[in-house]
PDB file of N, CA and C in Angstrom:
ATOM      1  N   GLU A   1     -28.826-190.971  75.826  1.00  0.00           N
ATOM      2  CA  GLU A   1     -27.652-190.884  74.970  1.00  0.00           C
ATOM      3  C   GLU A   1     -28.060-190.273  73.633  1.00  0.00           C
ATOM      4  N   GLY A   2     -27.223-189.365  73.140  1.00  0.00           N
ATOM      5  CA  GLY A   2     -27.505-188.703  71.879  1.00  0.00           C
ATOM      6  C   GLY A   2     -28.463-187.531  71.997  1.00  0.00           C
ATOM      7  N   ALA A   3     -28.964-187.268  73.192  1.00  0.00           N
ATOM      8  CA  ALA A   3     -29.897-186.157  73.391  1.00  0.00           C
ATOM      9  C   ALA A   3     -29.138-184.857  73.617  1.00  0.00           C
ATOM     10  N   SER A   4     -29.821-183.745  73.411  1.00  0.00           N
ATOM     11  CA  SER A   4     -29.246-182.437  73.713  1.00  0.00           C
ATOM     12  C   SER A   4     -30.359-181.531  74.202  1.00  0.00           C
ATOM     13  N   ALA A   5     -29.966-180.405  74.778  1.00  0.00           N
ATOM     14  CA  ALA A   5     -30.937-179.418  75.253  1.00  0.00           C
ATOM     15  C   ALA A   5     -30.463-178.039  74.838  1.00  0.00           C
ATOM     16  N   LEU A   6     -31.380-177.198  74.371  1.00  0.00           N
ATOM     17  CA  LEU A   6     -31.083-175.824  73.988  1.00  0.00           C
ATOM     18  C   LEU A   6     -31.693-174.900  75.027  1.00  0.00           C
ATOM     19  N   LEU A   7     -30.841-174.076  75.658  1.00  0.00           N
ATOM     20  CA  LEU A   7     -31.281-173.101  76.645  1.00  0.00           C
ATOM     21  C   LEU A   7     -30.961-171.704  76.131  1.00  0.00           C
ATOM     22  N   ARG A   8     -31.762-170.716  76.525  1.00  0.00           N
ATOM     23  CA  ARG A   8     -31.529-169.337  76.104  1.00  0.00           C
ATOM     24  C   ARG A   8     -31.503-168.423  77.320  1.00  0.00           C
ATOM     25  N   PHE A   9     -30.500-167.535  77.334  1.00  0.00           N
ATOM     26  CA  PHE A   9     -30.503-166.454  78.305  1.00  0.00           C
ATOM     27  C   PHE A   9     -31.523-165.423  77.833  1.00  0.00           C
ATOM     28  N   THR A  10     -31.903-164.492  78.685  1.00  0.00           N
ATOM     29  CA  THR A  10     -32.912-163.493  78.329  1.00  0.00           C
ATOM     30  C   THR A  10     -32.468-162.579  77.190  1.00  0.00           C
ATOM     31  N   ASP A  11     -31.144-162.446  76.953  1.00  0.00           N
ATOM     32  CA  ASP A  11     -30.647-161.602  75.856  1.00  0.00           C
ATOM     33  C   ASP A  11     -30.620-162.338  74.516  1.00  0.00           C
ATOM     34  N   GLY A  12     -31.002-163.613  74.494  1.00  0.00           N
ATOM     35  CA  GLY A  12     -31.002-164.386  73.260  1.00  0.00           C
ATOM     36  C   GLY A  12     -29.787-165.274  73.080  1.00  0.00           C
ATOM     37  N   THR A  13     -28.783-165.160  73.948  1.00  0.00           N
ATOM     38  CA  THR A  13     -27.624-166.057  73.893  1.00  0.00           C
ATOM     39  C   THR A  13     -28.112-167.493  74.048  1.00  0.00           C
ATOM     40  N   GLN A  14     -27.625-168.377  73.161  1.00  0.00           N
ATOM     41  CA  GLN A  14     -28.046-169.773  73.162  1.00  0.00           C
ATOM     42  C   GLN A  14     -26.939-170.671  73.700  1.00  0.00           C
ATOM     43  N   VAL A  15     -27.321-171.629  74.530  1.00  0.00           N
ATOM     44  CA  VAL A  15     -26.400-172.621  75.074  1.00  0.00           C
ATOM     45  C   VAL A  15     -26.993-173.994  74.771  1.00  0.00           C
ATOM     46  N   THR A  16     -26.277-174.801  73.996  1.00  0.00           N
ATOM     47  CA  THR A  16     -26.710-176.160  73.702  1.00  0.00           C
ATOM     48  C   THR A  16     -25.875-177.115  74.534  1.00  0.00           C
ATOM     49  N   LEU A  17     -26.544-177.939  75.324  1.00  0.00           N
ATOM     50  CA  LEU A  17     -25.879-178.912  76.179  1.00  0.00           C
ATOM     51  C   LEU A  17     -25.924-180.280  75.508  1.00  0.00           C
ATOM     52  N   GLY A  18     -24.762-180.921  75.403  1.00  0.00           N
ATOM     53  CA  GLY A  18     -24.695-182.255  74.831  1.00  0.00           C
ATOM     54  C   GLY A  18     -25.157-183.304  75.826  1.00  0.00           C
ATOM     55  N   SER A  19     -25.321-184.513  75.343  1.00  0.00           N
ATOM     56  CA  SER A  19     -25.752-185.633  76.160  1.00  0.00           C
ATOM     57  C   SER A  19     -24.833-185.837  77.359  1.00  0.00           C
ATOM     58  N   GLY A  20     -25.405-185.999  78.533  1.00  0.00           N
ATOM     59  CA  GLY A  20     -24.634-186.261  79.740  1.00  0.00           C
ATOM     60  C   GLY A  20     -23.909-185.064  80.325  1.00  0.00           C
ATOM     61  N   THR A  21     -24.160-183.873  79.805  1.00  0.00           N
ATOM     62  CA  THR A  21     -23.468-182.669  80.269  1.00  0.00           C
ATOM     63  C   THR A  21     -23.988-182.243  81.643  1.00  0.00           C
ATOM     64  N   GLN A  22     -23.045-181.847  82.488  1.00  0.00           N
ATOM     65  CA  GLN A  22     -23.383-181.312  83.810  1.00  0.00           C
ATOM     66  C   GLN A  22     -22.993-179.843  83.823  1.00  0.00           C
ATOM     67  N   ALA A  23     -23.997-178.960  83.837  1.00  0.00           N
ATOM     68  CA  ALA A  23     -23.738-177.522  83.760  1.00  0.00           C
ATOM     69  C   ALA A  23     -24.814-176.756  84.505  1.00  0.00           C
ATOM     70  N   SER A  24     -24.492-175.517  84.868  1.00  0.00           N
ATOM     71  CA  SER A  24     -25.479-174.613  85.457  1.00  0.00           C
ATOM     72  C   SER A  24     -25.292-173.239  84.830  1.00  0.00           C
ATOM     73  N   LEU A  25     -26.397-172.481  84.746  1.00  0.00           N
ATOM     74  CA  LEU A  25     -26.392-171.150  84.157  1.00  0.00           C
ATOM     75  C   LEU A  25     -26.919-170.147  85.166  1.00  0.00           C
ATOM     76  N   SER A  26     -26.393-168.914  85.102  1.00  0.00           N
ATOM     77  CA  SER A  26     -26.838-167.849  85.993  1.00  0.00           C
ATOM     78  C   SER A  26     -26.829-166.525  85.238  1.00  0.00           C
ATOM     79  N   GLU A  27     -27.800-165.658  85.559  1.00  0.00           N
ATOM     80  CA  GLU A  27     -27.862-164.319  84.966  1.00  0.00           C
ATOM     81  C   GLU A  27     -27.771-163.230  86.018  1.00  0.00           C
ATOM     82  N   GLU A  28     -27.472-163.575  87.241  1.00  0.00           N
ATOM     83  CA  GLU A  28     -27.427-162.588  88.315  1.00  0.00           C
ATOM     84  C   GLU A  28     -26.223-161.672  88.162  1.00  0.00           C
ATOM     85  N   GLY A  29     -26.448-160.418  87.749  1.00  0.00           N
ATOM     86  CA  GLY A  29     -25.395-159.429  87.584  1.00  0.00           C
ATOM     87  C   GLY A  29     -24.594-159.589  86.306  1.00  0.00           C
ATOM     88  N   GLN A  30     -24.287-160.826  85.952  1.00  0.00           N
ATOM     89  CA  GLN A  30     -23.490-161.115  84.754  1.00  0.00           C
ATOM     90  C   GLN A  30     -23.806-162.542  84.325  1.00  0.00           C
ATOM     91  N   ARG A  31     -23.883-162.786  83.029  1.00  0.00           N
ATOM     92  CA  ARG A  31     -24.198-164.132  82.550  1.00  0.00           C
ATOM     93  C   ARG A  31     -23.014-165.061  82.795  1.00  0.00           C
ATOM     94  N   ARG A  32     -23.309-166.232  83.381  1.00  0.00           N
ATOM     95  CA  ARG A  32     -22.271-167.208  83.725  1.00  0.00           C
ATOM     96  C   ARG A  32     -22.758-168.618  83.403  1.00  0.00           C
ATOM     97  N   VAL A  33     -21.808-169.444  82.970  1.00  0.00           N
ATOM     98  CA  VAL A  33     -22.065-170.861  82.769  1.00  0.00           C
ATOM     99  C   VAL A  33     -20.995-171.620  83.533  1.00  0.00           C
ATOM    100  N   ARG A  34     -21.416-172.587  84.325  1.00  0.00           N
ATOM    101  CA  ARG A  34     -20.484-173.479  85.028  1.00  0.00           C
ATOM    102  C   ARG A  34     -20.610-174.837  84.353  1.00  0.00           C
ATOM    103  N   LEU A  35     -19.524-175.281  83.689  1.00  0.00           N
ATOM    104  CA  LEU A  35     -19.503-176.572  83.006  1.00  0.00           C
ATOM    105  C   LEU A  35     -18.623-177.519  83.813  1.00  0.00           C
ATOM    106  N   ASP A  36     -19.247-178.467  84.502  1.00  0.00           N
ATOM    107  CA  ASP A  36     -18.500-179.418  85.311  1.00  0.00           C
ATOM    108  C   ASP A  36     -18.006-180.599  84.483  1.00  0.00           C
ATOM    109  N   ALA A  37     -18.806-181.039  83.522  1.00  0.00           N
ATOM    110  CA  ALA A  37     -18.418-182.151  82.654  1.00  0.00           C
ATOM    111  C   ALA A  37     -19.323-182.159  81.431  1.00  0.00           C
ATOM    112  N   GLY A  38     -18.794-182.599  80.305  1.00  0.00           N
ATOM    113  CA  GLY A  38     -19.580-182.697  79.084  1.00  0.00           C
ATOM    114  C   GLY A  38     -19.212-181.629  78.077  1.00  0.00           C
ATOM    115  N   THR A  39     -20.141-181.358  77.157  1.00  0.00           N
ATOM    116  CA  THR A  39     -19.889-180.436  76.052  1.00  0.00           C
ATOM    117  C   THR A  39     -21.038-179.444  75.910  1.00  0.00           C
ATOM    118  N   ILE A  40     -20.681-178.183  75.707  1.00  0.00           N
ATOM    119  CA  ILE A  40     -21.670-177.147  75.416  1.00  0.00           C
ATOM    120  C   ILE A  40     -21.229-176.393  74.166  1.00  0.00           C
ATOM    121  N   THR A  41     -22.206-175.905  73.423  1.00  0.00           N
ATOM    122  CA  THR A  41     -21.955-175.017  72.291  1.00  0.00           C
ATOM    123  C   THR A  41     -22.720-173.734  72.570  1.00  0.00           C
ATOM    124  N   LEU A  42     -22.047-172.605  72.401  1.00  0.00           N
ATOM    125  CA  LEU A  42     -22.667-171.319  72.709  1.00  0.00           C
ATOM    126  C   LEU A  42     -22.668-170.411  71.492  1.00  0.00           C
ATOM    127  N   ARG A  43     -23.782-169.724  71.290  1.00  0.00           N
ATOM    128  CA  ARG A  43     -23.890-168.632  70.321  1.00  0.00           C
ATOM    129  C   ARG A  43     -24.220-167.405  71.164  1.00  0.00           C
ATOM    130  N   VAL A  44     -23.184-166.588  71.408  1.00  0.00           N
ATOM    131  CA  VAL A  44     -23.291-165.476  72.349  1.00  0.00           C
ATOM    132  C   VAL A  44     -23.540-164.177  71.599  1.00  0.00           C
ATOM    133  N   VAL A  45     -24.643-163.510  71.925  1.00  0.00           N
ATOM    134  CA  VAL A  45     -24.910-162.195  71.352  1.00  0.00           C
ATOM    135  C   VAL A  45     -23.959-161.202  72.013  1.00  0.00           C
ATOM    136  N   PRO A  46     -23.685-160.046  71.381  1.00  0.00           N
ATOM    137  CA  PRO A  46     -22.789-159.068  71.999  1.00  0.00           C
ATOM    138  C   PRO A  46     -23.231-158.741  73.427  1.00  0.00           C
ATOM    139  N   GLN A  47     -22.278-158.765  74.330  1.00  0.00           N
ATOM    140  CA  GLN A  47     -22.530-158.538  75.744  1.00  0.00           C
ATOM    141  C   GLN A  47     -22.256-157.076  76.109  1.00  0.00           C
ATOM    142  N   PRO A  48     -22.831-156.599  77.219  1.00  0.00           N
ATOM    143  CA  PRO A  48     -22.582-155.220  77.652  1.00  0.00           C
ATOM    144  C   PRO A  48     -21.093-154.995  77.931  1.00  0.00           C
ATOM    145  N   SER A  49     -20.635-153.797  77.663  1.00  0.00           N
ATOM    146  CA  SER A  49     -19.243-153.446  77.909  1.00  0.00           C
ATOM    147  C   SER A  49     -18.865-153.724  79.363  1.00  0.00           C
ATOM    148  N   GLY A  50     -17.757-154.407  79.553  1.00  0.00           N
ATOM    149  CA  GLY A  50     -17.273-154.710  80.896  1.00  0.00           C
ATOM    150  C   GLY A  50     -17.959-155.879  81.571  1.00  0.00           C
ATOM    151  N   LYS A  51     -18.911-156.527  80.878  1.00  0.00           N
ATOM    152  CA  LYS A  51     -19.618-157.669  81.456  1.00  0.00           C
ATOM    153  C   LYS A  51     -19.684-158.821  80.458  1.00  0.00           C
ATOM    154  N   PRO A  52     -18.523-159.423  80.157  1.00  0.00           N
ATOM    155  CA  PRO A  52     -18.542-160.546  79.221  1.00  0.00           C
ATOM    156  C   PRO A  52     -19.261-161.745  79.827  1.00  0.00           C
ATOM    157  N   LEU A  53     -19.764-162.613  78.979  1.00  0.00           N
ATOM    158  CA  LEU A  53     -20.293-163.879  79.459  1.00  0.00           C
ATOM    159  C   LEU A  53     -19.099-164.695  79.957  1.00  0.00           C
ATOM    160  N   LEU A  54     -19.243-165.346  81.096  1.00  0.00           N
ATOM    161  CA  LEU A  54     -18.162-166.122  81.679  1.00  0.00           C
ATOM    162  C   LEU A  54     -18.522-167.600  81.678  1.00  0.00           C
ATOM    163  N   VAL A  55     -17.564-168.434  81.281  1.00  0.00           N
ATOM    164  CA  VAL A  55     -17.722-169.886  81.343  1.00  0.00           C
ATOM    165  C   VAL A  55     -16.616-170.404  82.248  1.00  0.00           C
ATOM    166  N   HIS A  56     -16.997-171.167  83.266  1.00  0.00           N
ATOM    167  CA  HIS A  56     -16.022-171.735  84.194  1.00  0.00           C
ATOM    168  C   HIS A  56     -16.069-173.255  84.079  1.00  0.00           C
ATOM    169  N   THR A  57     -14.888-173.876  83.971  1.00  0.00           N
ATOM    170  CA  THR A  57     -14.757-175.328  83.990  1.00  0.00           C
ATOM    171  C   THR A  57     -13.823-175.676  85.145  1.00  0.00           C
ATOM    172  N   PRO A  58     -13.637-176.957  85.444  1.00  0.00           N
ATOM    173  CA  PRO A  58     -12.714-177.306  86.522  1.00  0.00           C
ATOM    174  C   PRO A  58     -11.273-176.844  86.292  1.00  0.00           C
ATOM    175  N   THR A  59     -10.886-176.607  85.020  1.00  0.00           N
ATOM    176  CA  THR A  59      -9.497-176.257  84.739  1.00  0.00           C
ATOM    177  C   THR A  59      -9.296-174.924  84.033  1.00  0.00           C
ATOM    178  N   ALA A  60     -10.390-174.229  83.672  1.00  0.00           N
ATOM    179  CA  ALA A  60     -10.220-172.997  82.896  1.00  0.00           C
ATOM    180  C   ALA A  60     -11.362-172.012  83.151  1.00  0.00           C
ATOM    181  N   SER A  61     -11.090-170.761  82.764  1.00  0.00           N
ATOM    182  CA  SER A  61     -12.088-169.696  82.797  1.00  0.00           C
ATOM    183  C   SER A  61     -12.091-169.045  81.415  1.00  0.00           C
ATOM    184  N   ILE A  62     -13.279-168.768  80.885  1.00  0.00           N
ATOM    185  CA  ILE A  62     -13.413-168.249  79.527  1.00  0.00           C
ATOM    186  C   ILE A  62     -14.252-166.979  79.576  1.00  0.00           C
ATOM    187  N   GLU A  63     -13.785-165.916  78.875  1.00  0.00           N
ATOM    188  CA  GLU A  63     -14.524-164.652  78.774  1.00  0.00           C
ATOM    189  C   GLU A  63     -14.937-164.432  77.333  1.00  0.00           C
ATOM    190  N   VAL A  64     -16.207-164.060  77.135  1.00  0.00           N
ATOM    191  CA  VAL A  64     -16.756-163.930  75.793  1.00  0.00           C
ATOM    192  C   VAL A  64     -17.573-162.648  75.678  1.00  0.00           C
ATOM    193  N   GLN A  65     -17.314-161.854  74.639  1.00  0.00           N
ATOM    194  CA  GLN A  65     -18.117-160.663  74.380  1.00  0.00           C
ATOM    195  C   GLN A  65     -19.254-160.959  73.406  1.00  0.00           C
ATOM    196  N   GLY A  66     -19.019-161.798  72.417  1.00  0.00           N
ATOM    197  CA  GLY A  66     -20.023-162.157  71.420  1.00  0.00           C
ATOM    198  C   GLY A  66     -19.371-163.018  70.364  1.00  0.00           C
ATOM    199  N   THR A  67     -19.794-164.267  70.226  1.00  0.00           N
ATOM    200  CA  THR A  67     -19.137-165.189  69.314  1.00  0.00           C
ATOM    201  C   THR A  67     -19.869-166.517  69.300  1.00  0.00           C
ATOM    202  N   MET A  68     -19.324-167.491  68.584  1.00  0.00           N
ATOM    203  CA  MET A  68     -19.842-168.853  68.597  1.00  0.00           C
ATOM    204  C   MET A  68     -18.684-169.797  68.856  1.00  0.00           C
ATOM    205  N   PHE A  69     -18.844-170.688  69.852  1.00  0.00           N
ATOM    206  CA  PHE A  69     -17.775-171.608  70.194  1.00  0.00           C
ATOM    207  C   PHE A  69     -18.335-172.806  70.949  1.00  0.00           C
ATOM    208  N   SER A  70     -17.503-173.834  71.112  1.00  0.00           N
ATOM    209  CA  SER A  70     -17.898-174.992  71.913  1.00  0.00           C
ATOM    210  C   SER A  70     -16.810-175.287  72.924  1.00  0.00           C
ATOM    211  N   VAL A  71     -17.219-175.870  74.048  1.00  0.00           N
ATOM    212  CA  VAL A  71     -16.305-176.206  75.135  1.00  0.00           C
ATOM    213  C   VAL A  71     -16.625-177.619  75.600  1.00  0.00           C
ATOM    214  N   SER A  72     -15.583-178.425  75.763  1.00  0.00           N
ATOM    215  CA  SER A  72     -15.713-179.737  76.385  1.00  0.00           C
ATOM    216  C   SER A  72     -14.837-179.717  77.621  1.00  0.00           C
ATOM    217  N   ALA A  73     -15.309-180.342  78.703  1.00  0.00           N
ATOM    218  CA  ALA A  73     -14.531-180.311  79.938  1.00  0.00           C
ATOM    219  C   ALA A  73     -14.753-181.573  80.747  1.00  0.00           C
ATOM    220  N   ASN A  74     -13.742-181.880  81.535  1.00  0.00           N
ATOM    221  CA  ASN A  74     -13.851-182.868  82.598  1.00  0.00           C
ATOM    222  C   ASN A  74     -12.942-182.380  83.712  1.00  0.00           C
ATOM    223  N   SER A  75     -12.696-183.187  84.709  1.00  0.00           N
ATOM    224  CA  SER A  75     -11.919-182.724  85.855  1.00  0.00           C
ATOM    225  C   SER A  75     -10.455-182.472  85.528  1.00  0.00           C
ATOM    226  N   GLU A  76      -9.968-182.960  84.380  1.00  0.00           N
ATOM    227  CA  GLU A  76      -8.548-182.843  84.052  1.00  0.00           C
ATOM    228  C   GLU A  76      -8.226-181.899  82.906  1.00  0.00           C
ATOM    229  N   GLN A  77      -9.185-181.612  82.041  1.00  0.00           N
ATOM    230  CA  GLN A  77      -8.869-180.762  80.890  1.00  0.00           C
ATOM    231  C   GLN A  77     -10.093-180.044  80.350  1.00  0.00           C
ATOM    232  N   THR A  78      -9.808-178.964  79.617  1.00  0.00           N
ATOM    233  CA  THR A  78     -10.826-178.188  78.920  1.00  0.00           C
ATOM    234  C   THR A  78     -10.391-178.049  77.469  1.00  0.00           C
ATOM    235  N   THR A  79     -11.322-178.288  76.542  1.00  0.00           N
ATOM    236  CA  THR A  79     -11.042-178.116  75.115  1.00  0.00           C
ATOM    237  C   THR A  79     -11.981-177.049  74.579  1.00  0.00           C
ATOM    238  N   LEU A  80     -11.419-176.037  73.911  1.00  0.00           N
ATOM    239  CA  LEU A  80     -12.177-174.918  73.358  1.00  0.00           C
ATOM    240  C   LEU A  80     -12.005-174.919  71.847  1.00  0.00           C
ATOM    241  N   ARG A  81     -13.119-174.801  71.113  1.00  0.00           N
ATOM    242  CA  ARG A  81     -13.096-174.682  69.654  1.00  0.00           C
ATOM    243  C   ARG A  81     -13.923-173.451  69.282  1.00  0.00           C
ATOM    244  N   VAL A  82     -13.274-172.470  68.639  1.00  0.00           N
ATOM    245  CA  VAL A  82     -13.944-171.209  68.302  1.00  0.00           C
ATOM    246  C   VAL A  82     -14.336-171.229  66.829  1.00  0.00           C
ATOM    247  N   GLN A  83     -15.637-171.072  66.553  1.00  0.00           N
ATOM    248  CA  GLN A  83     -16.118-171.017  65.171  1.00  0.00           C
ATOM    249  C   GLN A  83     -16.109-169.589  64.633  1.00  0.00           C
ATOM    250  N   GLU A  84     -16.539-168.628  65.453  1.00  0.00           N
ATOM    251  CA  GLU A  84     -16.623-167.220  65.041  1.00  0.00           C
ATOM    252  C   GLU A  84     -16.079-166.340  66.152  1.00  0.00           C
ATOM    253  N   GLY A  85     -15.502-165.203  65.788  1.00  0.00           N
ATOM    254  CA  GLY A  85     -15.044-164.235  66.777  1.00  0.00           C
ATOM    255  C   GLY A  85     -13.762-164.667  67.473  1.00  0.00           C
ATOM    256  N   SER A  86     -13.605-164.232  68.704  1.00  0.00           N
ATOM    257  CA  SER A  86     -12.427-164.528  69.508  1.00  0.00           C
ATOM    258  C   SER A  86     -12.858-164.751  70.948  1.00  0.00           C
ATOM    259  N   VAL A  87     -12.180-165.665  71.641  1.00  0.00           N
ATOM    260  CA  VAL A  87     -12.522-166.017  73.017  1.00  0.00           C
ATOM    261  C   VAL A  87     -11.254-165.971  73.859  1.00  0.00           C
ATOM    262  N   LEU A  88     -11.341-165.401  75.061  1.00  0.00           N
ATOM    263  CA  LEU A  88     -10.197-165.355  75.970  1.00  0.00           C
ATOM    264  C   LEU A  88     -10.273-166.548  76.917  1.00  0.00           C
ATOM    265  N   LEU A  89      -9.246-167.411  76.867  1.00  0.00           N
ATOM    266  CA  LEU A  89      -9.170-168.604  77.710  1.00  0.00           C
ATOM    267  C   LEU A  89      -8.053-168.434  78.726  1.00  0.00           C
ATOM    268  N   SER A  90      -8.350-168.682  79.999  1.00  0.00           N
ATOM    269  CA  SER A  90      -7.347-168.609  81.063  1.00  0.00           C
ATOM    270  C   SER A  90      -7.242-169.969  81.734  1.00  0.00           C
ATOM    271  N   ARG A  91      -6.025-170.498  81.791  1.00  0.00           N
ATOM    272  CA  ARG A  91      -5.774-171.772  82.465  1.00  0.00           C
ATOM    273  C   ARG A  91      -5.655-171.502  83.957  1.00  0.00           C
ATOM    274  N   LEU A  92      -6.434-172.209  84.770  1.00  0.00           N
ATOM    275  CA  LEU A  92      -6.467-171.962  86.204  1.00  0.00           C
ATOM    276  C   LEU A  92      -5.180-172.384  86.911  1.00  0.00           C
ATOM    277  N   ALA A  93      -4.508-173.411  86.409  1.00  0.00           N
ATOM    278  CA  ALA A  93      -3.308-173.936  87.080  1.00  0.00           C
ATOM    279  C   ALA A  93      -2.218-172.889  87.233  1.00  0.00           C
ATOM    280  N   ASP A  94      -2.035-172.026  86.214  1.00  0.00           N
ATOM    281  CA  ASP A  94      -0.972-171.025  86.276  1.00  0.00           C
ATOM    282  C   ASP A  94      -1.427-169.631  85.849  1.00  0.00           C
ATOM    283  N   ASP A  95      -2.738-169.451  85.654  1.00  0.00           N
ATOM    284  CA  ASP A  95      -3.330-168.169  85.276  1.00  0.00           C
ATOM    285  C   ASP A  95      -2.799-167.638  83.947  1.00  0.00           C
ATOM    286  N   THR A  96      -2.345-168.538  83.068  1.00  0.00           N
ATOM    287  CA  THR A  96      -1.914-168.144  81.727  1.00  0.00           C
ATOM    288  C   THR A  96      -3.150-167.929  80.862  1.00  0.00           C
ATOM    289  N   SER A  97      -3.169-166.812  80.094  1.00  0.00           N
ATOM    290  CA  SER A  97      -4.313-166.495  79.233  1.00  0.00           C
ATOM    291  C   SER A  97      -3.885-166.434  77.780  1.00  0.00           C
ATOM    292  N   VAL A  98      -4.818-166.782  76.902  1.00  0.00           N
ATOM    293  CA  VAL A  98      -4.584-166.699  75.464  1.00  0.00           C
ATOM    294  C   VAL A  98      -5.897-166.353  74.777  1.00  0.00           C
ATOM    295  N   ALA A  99      -5.823-165.467  73.768  1.00  0.00           N
ATOM    296  CA  ALA A  99      -6.993-165.158  72.952  1.00  0.00           C
ATOM    297  C   ALA A  99      -7.033-166.177  71.821  1.00  0.00           C
ATOM    298  N   VAL A 100      -8.131-166.910  71.718  1.00  0.00           N
ATOM    299  CA  VAL A 100      -8.287-167.943  70.689  1.00  0.00           C
ATOM    300  C   VAL A 100      -9.172-167.378  69.587  1.00  0.00           C
ATOM    301  N   PRO A 101      -8.627-167.220  68.352  1.00  0.00           N
ATOM    302  CA  PRO A 101      -9.404-166.640  67.258  1.00  0.00           C
ATOM    303  C   PRO A 101     -10.286-167.680  66.576  1.00  0.00           C
ATOM    304  N   ALA A 102     -11.146-167.199  65.670  1.00  0.00           N
ATOM    305  CA  ALA A 102     -12.038-168.063  64.901  1.00  0.00           C
ATOM    306  C   ALA A 102     -11.254-169.142  64.168  1.00  0.00           C
ATOM    307  N   GLN A 103     -11.869-170.298  64.045  1.00  0.00           N
ATOM    308  CA  GLN A 103     -11.321-171.457  63.353  1.00  0.00           C
ATOM    309  C   GLN A 103     -10.079-172.033  64.020  1.00  0.00           C
ATOM    310  N   HIS A 104      -9.940-171.822  65.319  1.00  0.00           N
ATOM    311  CA  HIS A 104      -8.822-172.380  66.104  1.00  0.00           C
ATOM    312  C   HIS A 104      -9.376-173.089  67.339  1.00  0.00           C
ATOM    313  N   ALA A 105      -8.520-173.947  67.896  1.00  0.00           N
ATOM    314  CA  ALA A 105      -8.881-174.683  69.108  1.00  0.00           C
ATOM    315  C   ALA A 105      -7.764-174.536  70.115  1.00  0.00           C
TER     316      ALA A 105
END
């Protein structure tokens, strides 16, 4: 409890996992994070054109070109807080998308 882990993709993108977080990371073809439960904070370096970093939760899909944000998720909801830049969030239930700007949740 109270522990965290800092992971880095080969491009320098940082992913901090909060205590009790269940997540997996992949770099095959495109950087991806699967967040099943818990909280992650990401500092994403600019990504190649057409290959945003993708974050998948049980209820949402997130596309990121380069920014800083945090995501909390469980089986029923996803909460996104953007510190810098802009993040595209898509709700899986109805495929509704919204661009979330800096300093918004």
